[in-house]
Amino acid sequence: MISHGATEPAEDGNAQTFAAADTLRTLNHAGAVAGIDVTGARLLRIGENAIYRLPDRTIGRIARTAAYEPDARKEVAVARWLEGQGYPAVRALPIDQPVIVDGRVVTFWDLISDKESYGSTAEVASLLAWLHRLEPPSSLRLPPLQPFARAELRIDGDGWLSSEDRDFLRGRLGELRTRYAELEFALAPGVIHGDASVGNVIHDDAGNPILIDLDGFAIGPREWDLALTAIYHDSFGWHTRDEYEVFVKTYGFDVMEWPGYPVLRDVREFLMVTWLSQKASDDEKIAAEVRKRISALCTGSGKRDWQPY
């Protein structure tokens, strides 16, 4: 790991601005430290991370604060382990990384494709089935899944939320922690991706599906990896019934038939709200979406009008 001019880790939330100008400045500093050319870097998106397209088919990935350093270090190690296994996942550049500058964490990756072509539900299921058969080496030191690891920090650090919304979300968090702790899982635990969905499977230039966003890797219940595709069909209607049935047939297990599924559904939907609320202060369209989502959690109303982000 390279550390240069790092500040004390800020807590997850809005302690630092995380806009294009700020993250581009950090990218320039990280490129200088790591010897990576970032000339003409183009911002692709800002979410949990800021993602930049760099020259020489390279991607720069900037996490919000230095508190994400353990996740970034794990992500690079996971990518190198998967590469050794011949598993189709995003590849980390063979440099000393992550790089810590400006109180943020930066990693550099091979570009998969300039096209935004996402995987199918069948491809997600196939990659998950393959991943779930792998045995990670003890040297990788994958942590146990912590479903609510960032939720409390996001709620407490989000100045956009009203006091009423914050109180409601804290109460819901406590309830969900209790319900999750009581779950009895059907599948054996093992290595999981942590955020598996069609949005984290990208086609390369040859059309092959590639798994991305490896920072959530953990040891945990395999049901966690299956839940998002189920929710995208069941709660939001983002997948058709046929697409979901192909997912189930390819993987070989229907998480919606497991009695604990409603708990995982509620947990994942709640986490989607706290994740998106981090960006509400910068975008009124997102702010409206978060208000709608919080209202749905409060009232128990349907979620078919939730928009994907």
C-alpha atoms as a PDB file:
ATOM      1  CA  MET A   1       0.000   0.000   0.000  1.00  0.00           C
ATOM      2  CA  ILE A   2       1.254   3.491  -0.848  1.00  0.00           C
ATOM      3  CA  SER A   3       0.337   6.276   1.550  1.00  0.00           C
ATOM      4  CA  HIS A   4       1.104   9.872   0.677  1.00  0.00           C
ATOM      5  CA  GLY A   5      -0.209  12.923   2.458  1.00  0.00           C
ATOM      6  CA  ALA A   6      -3.021  10.922   4.059  1.00  0.00           C
ATOM      7  CA  THR A   7      -5.271  12.601   6.558  1.00  0.00           C
ATOM      8  CA  GLU A   8      -7.046  10.979   9.451  1.00  0.00           C
ATOM      9  CA  PRO A   9      -9.804   8.654   8.164  1.00  0.00           C
ATOM     10  CA  ALA A  10     -13.124  10.446   8.022  1.00  0.00           C
ATOM     11  CA  GLU A  11     -16.258   8.585   8.924  1.00  0.00           C
ATOM     12  CA  ASP A  12     -18.493   7.359   6.129  1.00  0.00           C
ATOM     13  CA  GLY A  13     -20.929  10.086   5.177  1.00  0.00           C
ATOM     14  CA  ASN A  14     -20.548  13.680   4.055  1.00  0.00           C
ATOM     15  CA  ALA A  15     -17.476  14.681   6.078  1.00  0.00           C
ATOM     16  CA  GLN A  16     -15.746  15.535   2.771  1.00  0.00           C
ATOM     17  CA  THR A  17     -17.265  16.746  -0.458  1.00  0.00           C
ATOM     18  CA  PHE A  18     -17.189  14.018  -3.065  1.00  0.00           C
ATOM     19  CA  ALA A  19     -17.857  15.872  -6.299  1.00  0.00           C
ATOM     20  CA  ALA A  20     -16.112  15.756  -9.671  1.00  0.00           C
ATOM     21  CA  ALA A  21     -13.570  18.521  -8.974  1.00  0.00           C
ATOM     22  CA  ASP A  22     -12.539  17.035  -5.616  1.00  0.00           C
ATOM     23  CA  THR A  23     -12.179  13.474  -6.861  1.00  0.00           C
ATOM     24  CA  LEU A  24     -10.294  14.547  -9.999  1.00  0.00           C
ATOM     25  CA  ARG A  25      -7.781  16.376  -7.813  1.00  0.00           C
ATOM     26  CA  THR A  26      -7.349  13.229  -5.727  1.00  0.00           C
ATOM     27  CA  LEU A  27      -6.939  11.129  -8.884  1.00  0.00           C
ATOM     28  CA  ASN A  28      -4.178  13.428 -10.122  1.00  0.00           C
ATOM     29  CA  HIS A  29      -2.338  13.132  -6.806  1.00  0.00           C
ATOM     30  CA  ALA A  30      -2.716   9.338  -6.774  1.00  0.00           C
ATOM     31  CA  GLY A  31      -1.523   9.036 -10.366  1.00  0.00           C
ATOM     32  CA  ALA A  32       1.608  11.019  -9.545  1.00  0.00           C
ATOM     33  CA  VAL A  33       2.342   8.785  -6.539  1.00  0.00           C
ATOM     34  CA  ALA A  34       1.713   5.510  -8.384  1.00  0.00           C
ATOM     35  CA  GLY A  35       3.278   6.493 -11.699  1.00  0.00           C
ATOM     36  CA  ILE A  36      -0.018   6.210 -13.577  1.00  0.00           C
ATOM     37  CA  ASP A  37      -0.841   8.586 -16.441  1.00  0.00           C
ATOM     38  CA  VAL A  38      -4.233  10.176 -15.677  1.00  0.00           C
ATOM     39  CA  THR A  39      -4.123  12.778 -18.461  1.00  0.00           C
ATOM     40  CA  GLY A  40      -7.590  13.395 -19.862  1.00  0.00           C
ATOM     41  CA  ALA A  41      -9.310  11.322 -17.177  1.00  0.00           C
ATOM     42  CA  ARG A  42     -13.064  11.120 -17.764  1.00  0.00           C
ATOM     43  CA  LEU A  43     -15.547  10.716 -14.897  1.00  0.00           C
ATOM     44  CA  LEU A  44     -17.883   7.786 -15.533  1.00  0.00           C
ATOM     45  CA  ARG A  45     -19.971   7.903 -12.358  1.00  0.00           C
ATOM     46  CA  ILE A  46     -19.987   8.796  -8.681  1.00  0.00           C
ATOM     47  CA  GLY A  47     -21.665   6.510  -6.181  1.00  0.00           C
ATOM     48  CA  GLU A  48     -20.028   4.573  -3.398  1.00  0.00           C
ATOM     49  CA  ASN A  49     -16.866   5.310  -5.404  1.00  0.00           C
ATOM     50  CA  ALA A  50     -15.872   7.809  -8.080  1.00  0.00           C
ATOM     51  CA  ILE A  51     -14.957   5.913 -11.259  1.00  0.00           C
ATOM     52  CA  TYR A  52     -12.685   7.447 -13.901  1.00  0.00           C
ATOM     53  CA  ARG A  53     -11.666   6.252 -17.376  1.00  0.00           C
ATOM     54  CA  LEU A  54      -7.918   6.800 -17.856  1.00  0.00           C
ATOM     55  CA  PRO A  55      -5.560   6.372 -20.829  1.00  0.00           C
ATOM     56  CA  ASP A  56      -4.120   2.937 -21.680  1.00  0.00           C
ATOM     57  CA  ARG A  57      -7.409   1.143 -20.946  1.00  0.00           C
ATOM     58  CA  THR A  58      -7.181   1.829 -17.226  1.00  0.00           C
ATOM     59  CA  ILE A  59      -9.823   2.642 -14.604  1.00  0.00           C
ATOM     60  CA  GLY A  60      -9.210   4.735 -11.489  1.00  0.00           C
ATOM     61  CA  ARG A  61     -11.474   4.056  -8.523  1.00  0.00           C
ATOM     62  CA  ILE A  62     -11.683   6.513  -5.615  1.00  0.00           C
ATOM     63  CA  ALA A  63     -13.366   5.625  -2.324  1.00  0.00           C
ATOM     64  CA  ARG A  64     -14.993   8.342  -0.236  1.00  0.00           C
ATOM     65  CA  THR A  65     -12.593   8.355   2.718  1.00  0.00           C
ATOM     66  CA  ALA A  66      -9.474   6.661   4.053  1.00  0.00           C
ATOM     67  CA  ALA A  67     -11.770   4.578   6.262  1.00  0.00           C
ATOM     68  CA  TYR A  68     -12.315   2.413   3.162  1.00  0.00           C
ATOM     69  CA  GLU A  69      -8.651   1.380   3.043  1.00  0.00           C
ATOM     70  CA  PRO A  70      -9.246  -2.153   4.440  1.00  0.00           C
ATOM     71  CA  ASP A  71     -11.942  -2.786   1.822  1.00  0.00           C
ATOM     72  CA  ALA A  72      -9.717  -1.517  -0.987  1.00  0.00           C
ATOM     73  CA  ARG A  73      -6.796  -3.635   0.181  1.00  0.00           C
ATOM     74  CA  LYS A  74      -9.098  -6.649   0.344  1.00  0.00           C
ATOM     75  CA  GLU A  75     -10.503  -5.883  -3.106  1.00  0.00           C
ATOM     76  CA  VAL A  76      -7.055  -5.862  -4.700  1.00  0.00           C
ATOM     77  CA  ALA A  77      -6.117  -9.112  -2.941  1.00  0.00           C
ATOM     78  CA  VAL A  78      -9.367 -10.761  -4.042  1.00  0.00           C
ATOM     79  CA  ALA A  79      -8.803  -9.685  -7.652  1.00  0.00           C
ATOM     80  CA  ARG A  80      -5.343 -11.227  -7.640  1.00  0.00           C
ATOM     81  CA  TRP A  81      -6.636 -14.452  -6.072  1.00  0.00           C
ATOM     82  CA  LEU A  82      -9.440 -14.725  -8.659  1.00  0.00           C
ATOM     83  CA  GLU A  83      -6.980 -14.046 -11.463  1.00  0.00           C
ATOM     84  CA  GLY A  84      -4.889 -16.951 -10.212  1.00  0.00           C
ATOM     85  CA  GLN A  85      -7.989 -19.148 -10.284  1.00  0.00           C
ATOM     86  CA  GLY A  86      -8.781 -18.171 -13.876  1.00  0.00           C
ATOM     87  CA  TYR A  87     -12.051 -16.682 -12.680  1.00  0.00           C
ATOM     88  CA  PRO A  88     -13.541 -13.943 -14.896  1.00  0.00           C
ATOM     89  CA  ALA A  89     -13.307 -10.891 -12.645  1.00  0.00           C
ATOM     90  CA  VAL A  90     -11.907  -7.393 -13.021  1.00  0.00           C
ATOM     91  CA  ARG A  91      -8.096  -7.305 -12.803  1.00  0.00           C
ATOM     92  CA  ALA A  92      -6.110  -4.957 -10.558  1.00  0.00           C
ATOM     93  CA  LEU A  93      -3.044  -3.324 -12.102  1.00  0.00           C
ATOM     94  CA  PRO A  94       0.193  -5.030 -10.957  1.00  0.00           C
ATOM     95  CA  ILE A  95       1.392  -2.073  -8.900  1.00  0.00           C
ATOM     96  CA  ASP A  96       1.723  -1.365  -5.201  1.00  0.00           C
ATOM     97  CA  GLN A  97      -1.818  -0.383  -4.239  1.00  0.00           C
ATOM     98  CA  PRO A  98      -4.127   0.891  -2.845  1.00  0.00           C
ATOM     99  CA  VAL A  99      -2.839   4.458  -2.848  1.00  0.00           C
ATOM    100  CA  ILE A 100      -3.952   6.791  -0.046  1.00  0.00           C
ATOM    101  CA  VAL A 101      -3.939  10.511  -0.824  1.00  0.00           C
ATOM    102  CA  ASP A 102      -6.059  13.450   0.324  1.00  0.00           C
ATOM    103  CA  GLY A 103      -7.662  11.246   2.975  1.00  0.00           C
ATOM    104  CA  ARG A 104      -9.104   8.984   0.272  1.00  0.00           C
ATOM    105  CA  VAL A 105      -8.261   5.564  -1.146  1.00  0.00           C
ATOM    106  CA  VAL A 106      -7.487   5.070  -4.836  1.00  0.00           C
ATOM    107  CA  THR A 107      -7.080   1.836  -6.797  1.00  0.00           C
ATOM    108  CA  PHE A 108      -6.271   1.212 -10.468  1.00  0.00           C
ATOM    109  CA  TRP A 109      -7.799  -1.487 -12.687  1.00  0.00           C
ATOM    110  CA  ASP A 110      -7.787  -2.859 -16.210  1.00  0.00           C
ATOM    111  CA  LEU A 111     -10.631  -1.502 -18.315  1.00  0.00           C
ATOM    112  CA  ILE A 112     -13.117  -4.251 -19.199  1.00  0.00           C
ATOM    113  CA  SER A 113     -14.822  -2.434 -22.064  1.00  0.00           C
ATOM    114  CA  ASP A 114     -15.823   1.064 -23.094  1.00  0.00           C
ATOM    115  CA  LYS A 115     -19.298  -0.271 -23.812  1.00  0.00           C
ATOM    116  CA  GLU A 116     -21.849  -0.466 -21.004  1.00  0.00           C
ATOM    117  CA  SER A 117     -23.170  -3.949 -21.644  1.00  0.00           C
ATOM    118  CA  TYR A 118     -24.431  -5.626 -18.487  1.00  0.00           C
ATOM    119  CA  GLY A 119     -24.755  -9.324 -17.798  1.00  0.00           C
ATOM    120  CA  SER A 120     -27.949 -11.349 -17.958  1.00  0.00           C
ATOM    121  CA  THR A 121     -29.550 -13.011 -14.950  1.00  0.00           C
ATOM    122  CA  ALA A 122     -28.289 -16.348 -16.276  1.00  0.00           C
ATOM    123  CA  GLU A 123     -24.727 -15.014 -16.424  1.00  0.00           C
ATOM    124  CA  VAL A 124     -24.989 -13.626 -12.894  1.00  0.00           C
ATOM    125  CA  ALA A 125     -26.209 -17.015 -11.650  1.00  0.00           C
ATOM    126  CA  SER A 126     -23.454 -18.869 -13.496  1.00  0.00           C
ATOM    127  CA  LEU A 127     -20.727 -16.625 -12.072  1.00  0.00           C
ATOM    128  CA  LEU A 128     -22.178 -16.953  -8.569  1.00  0.00           C
ATOM    129  CA  ALA A 129     -22.393 -20.734  -8.795  1.00  0.00           C
ATOM    130  CA  TRP A 130     -18.730 -20.818  -9.854  1.00  0.00           C
ATOM    131  CA  LEU A 131     -17.685 -18.350  -7.165  1.00  0.00           C
ATOM    132  CA  HIS A 132     -19.554 -20.206  -4.425  1.00  0.00           C
ATOM    133  CA  ARG A 133     -17.626 -23.389  -5.268  1.00  0.00           C
ATOM    134  CA  LEU A 134     -14.259 -21.711  -4.689  1.00  0.00           C
ATOM    135  CA  GLU A 135     -12.305 -22.127  -1.460  1.00  0.00           C
ATOM    136  CA  PRO A 136     -10.380 -18.954  -0.628  1.00  0.00           C
ATOM    137  CA  PRO A 137      -6.926 -19.397   0.898  1.00  0.00           C
ATOM    138  CA  SER A 138      -6.594 -18.561   4.580  1.00  0.00           C
ATOM    139  CA  SER A 139      -3.996 -15.953   3.628  1.00  0.00           C
ATOM    140  CA  LEU A 140      -6.757 -13.910   2.004  1.00  0.00           C
ATOM    141  CA  ARG A 141      -8.321 -13.355   5.438  1.00  0.00           C
ATOM    142  CA  LEU A 142     -11.801 -12.624   4.145  1.00  0.00           C
ATOM    143  CA  PRO A 143     -13.906 -11.102   6.931  1.00  0.00           C
ATOM    144  CA  PRO A 144     -17.319 -12.376   7.982  1.00  0.00           C
ATOM    145  CA  LEU A 145     -20.211 -10.583   6.324  1.00  0.00           C
ATOM    146  CA  GLN A 146     -21.353  -7.547   8.297  1.00  0.00           C
ATOM    147  CA  PRO A 147     -24.677  -6.658   6.672  1.00  0.00           C
ATOM    148  CA  PHE A 148     -25.120  -3.366   8.502  1.00  0.00           C
ATOM    149  CA  ALA A 149     -21.469  -2.279   8.672  1.00  0.00           C
ATOM    150  CA  ARG A 150     -21.952   1.163   7.107  1.00  0.00           C
ATOM    151  CA  ALA A 151     -25.641   1.781   7.702  1.00  0.00           C
ATOM    152  CA  GLU A 152     -25.347   3.567  11.034  1.00  0.00           C
ATOM    153  CA  LEU A 153     -22.503   5.796   9.828  1.00  0.00           C
ATOM    154  CA  ARG A 154     -24.458   6.676   6.707  1.00  0.00           C
ATOM    155  CA  ILE A 155     -27.535   7.637   8.717  1.00  0.00           C
ATOM    156  CA  ASP A 156     -25.669   9.627  11.358  1.00  0.00           C
ATOM    157  CA  GLY A 157     -23.364  11.350   8.889  1.00  0.00           C
ATOM    158  CA  ASP A 158     -26.024  12.321   6.350  1.00  0.00           C
ATOM    159  CA  GLY A 159     -26.832  15.971   6.918  1.00  0.00           C
ATOM    160  CA  TRP A 160     -29.482  15.872   4.180  1.00  0.00           C
ATOM    161  CA  LEU A 161     -31.801  13.637   6.221  1.00  0.00           C
ATOM    162  CA  SER A 162     -34.407  15.306   8.428  1.00  0.00           C
ATOM    163  CA  SER A 163     -34.341  14.498  12.132  1.00  0.00           C
ATOM    164  CA  GLU A 164     -37.596  12.566  11.689  1.00  0.00           C
ATOM    165  CA  ASP A 165     -36.149  10.521   8.831  1.00  0.00           C
ATOM    166  CA  ARG A 166     -32.990   9.849  10.816  1.00  0.00           C
ATOM    167  CA  ASP A 167     -34.975   8.672  13.843  1.00  0.00           C
ATOM    168  CA  PHE A 168     -37.105   6.424  11.660  1.00  0.00           C
ATOM    169  CA  LEU A 169     -34.100   4.885   9.905  1.00  0.00           C
ATOM    170  CA  ARG A 170     -32.286   4.276  13.196  1.00  0.00           C
ATOM    171  CA  GLY A 171     -35.358   2.507  14.545  1.00  0.00           C
ATOM    172  CA  ARG A 172     -35.705   0.392  11.414  1.00  0.00           C
ATOM    173  CA  LEU A 173     -32.009  -0.469  11.595  1.00  0.00           C
ATOM    174  CA  GLY A 174     -32.406  -1.814  15.134  1.00  0.00           C
ATOM    175  CA  GLU A 175     -35.423  -3.879  14.127  1.00  0.00           C
ATOM    176  CA  LEU A 176     -33.658  -5.352  11.094  1.00  0.00           C
ATOM    177  CA  ARG A 177     -30.566  -6.248  13.095  1.00  0.00           C
ATOM    178  CA  THR A 178     -32.742  -8.278  15.453  1.00  0.00           C
ATOM    179  CA  ARG A 179     -34.605 -10.036  12.643  1.00  0.00           C
ATOM    180  CA  TYR A 180     -31.399 -10.812  10.732  1.00  0.00           C
ATOM    181  CA  ALA A 181     -29.733 -12.282  13.824  1.00  0.00           C
ATOM    182  CA  GLU A 182     -32.592 -14.777  14.129  1.00  0.00           C
ATOM    183  CA  LEU A 183     -32.240 -16.168  10.593  1.00  0.00           C
ATOM    184  CA  GLU A 184     -31.480 -19.836   9.931  1.00  0.00           C
ATOM    185  CA  PHE A 185     -29.841 -20.164   6.540  1.00  0.00           C
ATOM    186  CA  ALA A 186     -30.442 -23.097   4.196  1.00  0.00           C
ATOM    187  CA  LEU A 187     -27.180 -23.004   2.253  1.00  0.00           C
ATOM    188  CA  ALA A 188     -23.708 -23.603   3.642  1.00  0.00           C
ATOM    189  CA  PRO A 189     -21.748 -20.391   4.234  1.00  0.00           C
ATOM    190  CA  GLY A 190     -18.684 -19.569   2.196  1.00  0.00           C
ATOM    191  CA  VAL A 191     -17.113 -16.934  -0.022  1.00  0.00           C
ATOM    192  CA  ILE A 192     -19.647 -14.390  -1.317  1.00  0.00           C
ATOM    193  CA  HIS A 193     -19.479 -11.318  -3.547  1.00  0.00           C
ATOM    194  CA  GLY A 194     -21.693  -9.232  -1.272  1.00  0.00           C
ATOM    195  CA  ASP A 195     -23.456  -7.116  -3.918  1.00  0.00           C
ATOM    196  CA  ALA A 196     -24.235  -9.520  -6.739  1.00  0.00           C
ATOM    197  CA  SER A 197     -26.585  -8.281  -9.462  1.00  0.00           C
ATOM    198  CA  VAL A 198     -26.646  -7.634 -13.191  1.00  0.00           C
ATOM    199  CA  GLY A 199     -25.155  -4.203 -12.469  1.00  0.00           C
ATOM    200  CA  ASN A 200     -21.942  -5.828 -11.242  1.00  0.00           C
ATOM    201  CA  VAL A 201     -21.464  -8.112 -14.231  1.00  0.00           C
ATOM    202  CA  ILE A 202     -20.054  -6.397 -17.326  1.00  0.00           C
ATOM    203  CA  HIS A 203     -19.355  -7.858 -20.769  1.00  0.00           C
ATOM    204  CA  ASP A 204     -15.830  -7.491 -22.075  1.00  0.00           C
ATOM    205  CA  ASP A 205     -15.131  -6.639 -25.706  1.00  0.00           C
ATOM    206  CA  ALA A 206     -15.524 -10.311 -26.637  1.00  0.00           C
ATOM    207  CA  GLY A 207     -18.920 -10.538 -24.915  1.00  0.00           C
ATOM    208  CA  ASN A 208     -17.727 -12.530 -21.907  1.00  0.00           C
ATOM    209  CA  PRO A 209     -19.344 -11.721 -18.517  1.00  0.00           C
ATOM    210  CA  ILE A 210     -16.882 -10.267 -15.975  1.00  0.00           C
ATOM    211  CA  LEU A 211     -17.556  -9.802 -12.249  1.00  0.00           C
ATOM    212  CA  ILE A 212     -16.745  -6.327 -10.901  1.00  0.00           C
ATOM    213  CA  ASP A 213     -16.904  -4.372  -7.603  1.00  0.00           C
ATOM    214  CA  LEU A 214     -15.053  -6.842  -5.384  1.00  0.00           C
ATOM    215  CA  ASP A 215     -14.895  -4.730  -2.214  1.00  0.00           C
ATOM    216  CA  GLY A 216     -17.849  -6.515  -0.598  1.00  0.00           C
ATOM    217  CA  PHE A 217     -16.234  -9.981  -0.671  1.00  0.00           C
ATOM    218  CA  ALA A 218     -16.725 -11.811   2.596  1.00  0.00           C
ATOM    219  CA  ILE A 219     -17.472 -15.148   4.175  1.00  0.00           C
ATOM    220  CA  GLY A 220     -21.196 -15.377   4.703  1.00  0.00           C
ATOM    221  CA  PRO A 221     -24.514 -16.917   3.699  1.00  0.00           C
ATOM    222  CA  ARG A 222     -24.828 -17.650  -0.022  1.00  0.00           C
ATOM    223  CA  GLU A 223     -28.453 -16.482   0.211  1.00  0.00           C
ATOM    224  CA  TRP A 224     -27.092 -12.921   0.561  1.00  0.00           C
ATOM    225  CA  ASP A 225     -25.706 -13.121  -2.983  1.00  0.00           C
ATOM    226  CA  LEU A 226     -28.959 -14.513  -4.388  1.00  0.00           C
ATOM    227  CA  ALA A 227     -31.298 -12.002  -2.764  1.00  0.00           C
ATOM    228  CA  LEU A 228     -30.749  -8.966  -4.994  1.00  0.00           C
ATOM    229  CA  THR A 229     -31.815 -10.685  -8.207  1.00  0.00           C
ATOM    230  CA  ALA A 230     -34.905 -11.973  -6.399  1.00  0.00           C
ATOM    231  CA  ILE A 231     -35.727  -8.487  -5.087  1.00  0.00           C
ATOM    232  CA  TYR A 232     -35.192  -6.887  -8.487  1.00  0.00           C
ATOM    233  CA  HIS A 233     -37.920  -9.211  -9.754  1.00  0.00           C
ATOM    234  CA  ASP A 234     -40.164  -9.498  -6.704  1.00  0.00           C
ATOM    235  CA  SER A 235     -40.170  -5.967  -5.271  1.00  0.00           C
ATOM    236  CA  PHE A 236     -39.246  -3.693  -8.161  1.00  0.00           C
ATOM    237  CA  GLY A 237     -40.184  -5.539 -11.342  1.00  0.00           C
ATOM    238  CA  TRP A 238     -36.785  -4.787 -12.861  1.00  0.00           C
ATOM    239  CA  HIS A 239     -36.492  -8.460 -13.922  1.00  0.00           C
ATOM    240  CA  THR A 240     -39.288 -10.401 -15.573  1.00  0.00           C
ATOM    241  CA  ARG A 241     -40.557 -13.674 -14.185  1.00  0.00           C
ATOM    242  CA  ASP A 242     -38.783 -15.504 -17.019  1.00  0.00           C
ATOM    243  CA  GLU A 243     -35.480 -13.769 -16.234  1.00  0.00           C
ATOM    244  CA  TYR A 244     -35.776 -14.740 -12.595  1.00  0.00           C
ATOM    245  CA  GLU A 245     -36.679 -18.352 -13.397  1.00  0.00           C
ATOM    246  CA  VAL A 246     -33.587 -18.619 -15.627  1.00  0.00           C
ATOM    247  CA  PHE A 247     -31.516 -17.292 -12.704  1.00  0.00           C
ATOM    248  CA  VAL A 248     -32.962 -19.940 -10.368  1.00  0.00           C
ATOM    249  CA  LYS A 249     -32.534 -22.760 -12.865  1.00  0.00           C
ATOM    250  CA  THR A 250     -28.919 -21.766 -13.609  1.00  0.00           C
ATOM    251  CA  TYR A 251     -27.891 -21.455  -9.958  1.00  0.00           C
ATOM    252  CA  GLY A 252     -29.993 -24.340  -8.654  1.00  0.00           C
ATOM    253  CA  PHE A 253     -31.692 -22.700  -5.660  1.00  0.00           C
ATOM    254  CA  ASP A 254     -34.666 -20.352  -5.319  1.00  0.00           C
ATOM    255  CA  VAL A 255     -34.011 -17.983  -2.434  1.00  0.00           C
ATOM    256  CA  MET A 256     -37.624 -16.774  -2.575  1.00  0.00           C
ATOM    257  CA  GLU A 257     -38.752 -20.242  -1.453  1.00  0.00           C
ATOM    258  CA  TRP A 258     -36.578 -20.012   1.658  1.00  0.00           C
ATOM    259  CA  PRO A 259     -38.542 -18.803   4.744  1.00  0.00           C
ATOM    260  CA  GLY A 260     -35.917 -16.195   5.600  1.00  0.00           C
ATOM    261  CA  TYR A 261     -36.191 -14.411   2.254  1.00  0.00           C
ATOM    262  CA  PRO A 262     -38.568 -11.638   3.486  1.00  0.00           C
ATOM    263  CA  VAL A 263     -35.978 -10.627   6.081  1.00  0.00           C
ATOM    264  CA  LEU A 264     -33.170 -10.410   3.515  1.00  0.00           C
ATOM    265  CA  ARG A 265     -35.514  -8.506   1.199  1.00  0.00           C
ATOM    266  CA  ASP A 266     -36.272  -5.939   3.902  1.00  0.00           C
ATOM    267  CA  VAL A 267     -32.600  -5.627   4.845  1.00  0.00           C
ATOM    268  CA  ARG A 268     -31.406  -5.121   1.269  1.00  0.00           C
ATOM    269  CA  GLU A 269     -34.142  -2.581   0.502  1.00  0.00           C
ATOM    270  CA  PHE A 270     -33.268  -0.638   3.652  1.00  0.00           C
ATOM    271  CA  LEU A 271     -29.566  -0.600   2.732  1.00  0.00           C
ATOM    272  CA  MET A 272     -30.418   0.612  -0.766  1.00  0.00           C
ATOM    273  CA  VAL A 273     -32.125   3.632   0.815  1.00  0.00           C
ATOM    274  CA  THR A 274     -29.245   4.520   3.145  1.00  0.00           C
ATOM    275  CA  TRP A 275     -26.758   4.102   0.278  1.00  0.00           C
ATOM    276  CA  LEU A 276     -28.653   6.375  -2.102  1.00  0.00           C
ATOM    277  CA  SER A 277     -29.327   9.031   0.537  1.00  0.00           C
ATOM    278  CA  GLN A 278     -25.581   9.842   0.537  1.00  0.00           C
ATOM    279  CA  LYS A 279     -26.064  11.468  -2.883  1.00  0.00           C
ATOM    280  CA  ALA A 280     -29.368  13.245  -2.196  1.00  0.00           C
ATOM    281  CA  SER A 281     -27.809  16.580  -1.255  1.00  0.00           C
ATOM    282  CA  ASP A 282     -26.114  16.849  -4.673  1.00  0.00           C
ATOM    283  CA  ASP A 283     -29.040  15.947  -6.948  1.00  0.00           C
ATOM    284  CA  GLU A 284     -32.705  16.876  -6.566  1.00  0.00           C
ATOM    285  CA  LYS A 285     -33.809  13.933  -8.705  1.00  0.00           C
ATOM    286  CA  ILE A 286     -32.023  11.568  -6.340  1.00  0.00           C
ATOM    287  CA  ALA A 287     -33.402  13.470  -3.354  1.00  0.00           C
ATOM    288  CA  ALA A 288     -36.948  12.908  -4.653  1.00  0.00           C
ATOM    289  CA  GLU A 289     -36.195   9.223  -5.125  1.00  0.00           C
ATOM    290  CA  VAL A 290     -34.893   8.909  -1.566  1.00  0.00           C
ATOM    291  CA  ARG A 291     -37.968  10.680  -0.167  1.00  0.00           C
ATOM    292  CA  LYS A 292     -40.147   8.238  -2.079  1.00  0.00           C
ATOM    293  CA  ARG A 293     -38.182   5.261  -0.805  1.00  0.00           C
ATOM    294  CA  ILE A 294     -38.267   6.392   2.825  1.00  0.00           C
ATOM    295  CA  SER A 295     -42.020   6.934   2.525  1.00  0.00           C
ATOM    296  CA  ALA A 296     -42.419   3.398   1.180  1.00  0.00           C
ATOM    297  CA  LEU A 297     -40.455   1.992   4.124  1.00  0.00           C
ATOM    298  CA  CYS A 298     -42.587   4.028   6.558  1.00  0.00           C
ATOM    299  CA  THR A 299     -45.959   3.088   5.072  1.00  0.00           C
ATOM    300  CA  GLY A 300     -45.245  -0.401   3.734  1.00  0.00           C
ATOM    301  CA  SER A 301     -46.435   0.691   0.290  1.00  0.00           C
ATOM    302  CA  GLY A 302     -45.337  -0.947  -2.942  1.00  0.00           C
ATOM    303  CA  LYS A 303     -41.902  -0.371  -4.437  1.00  0.00           C
ATOM    304  CA  ARG A 304     -42.614  -0.882  -8.128  1.00  0.00           C
ATOM    305  CA  ASP A 305     -41.950   2.812  -8.737  1.00  0.00           C
ATOM    306  CA  TRP A 306     -38.399   2.680  -7.328  1.00  0.00           C
ATOM    307  CA  GLN A 307     -35.886   3.631  -9.999  1.00  0.00           C
ATOM    308  CA  PRO A 308     -32.530   1.825 -10.378  1.00  0.00           C
ATOM    309  CA  TYR A 309     -29.325   3.695  -9.521  1.00  0.00           C
END
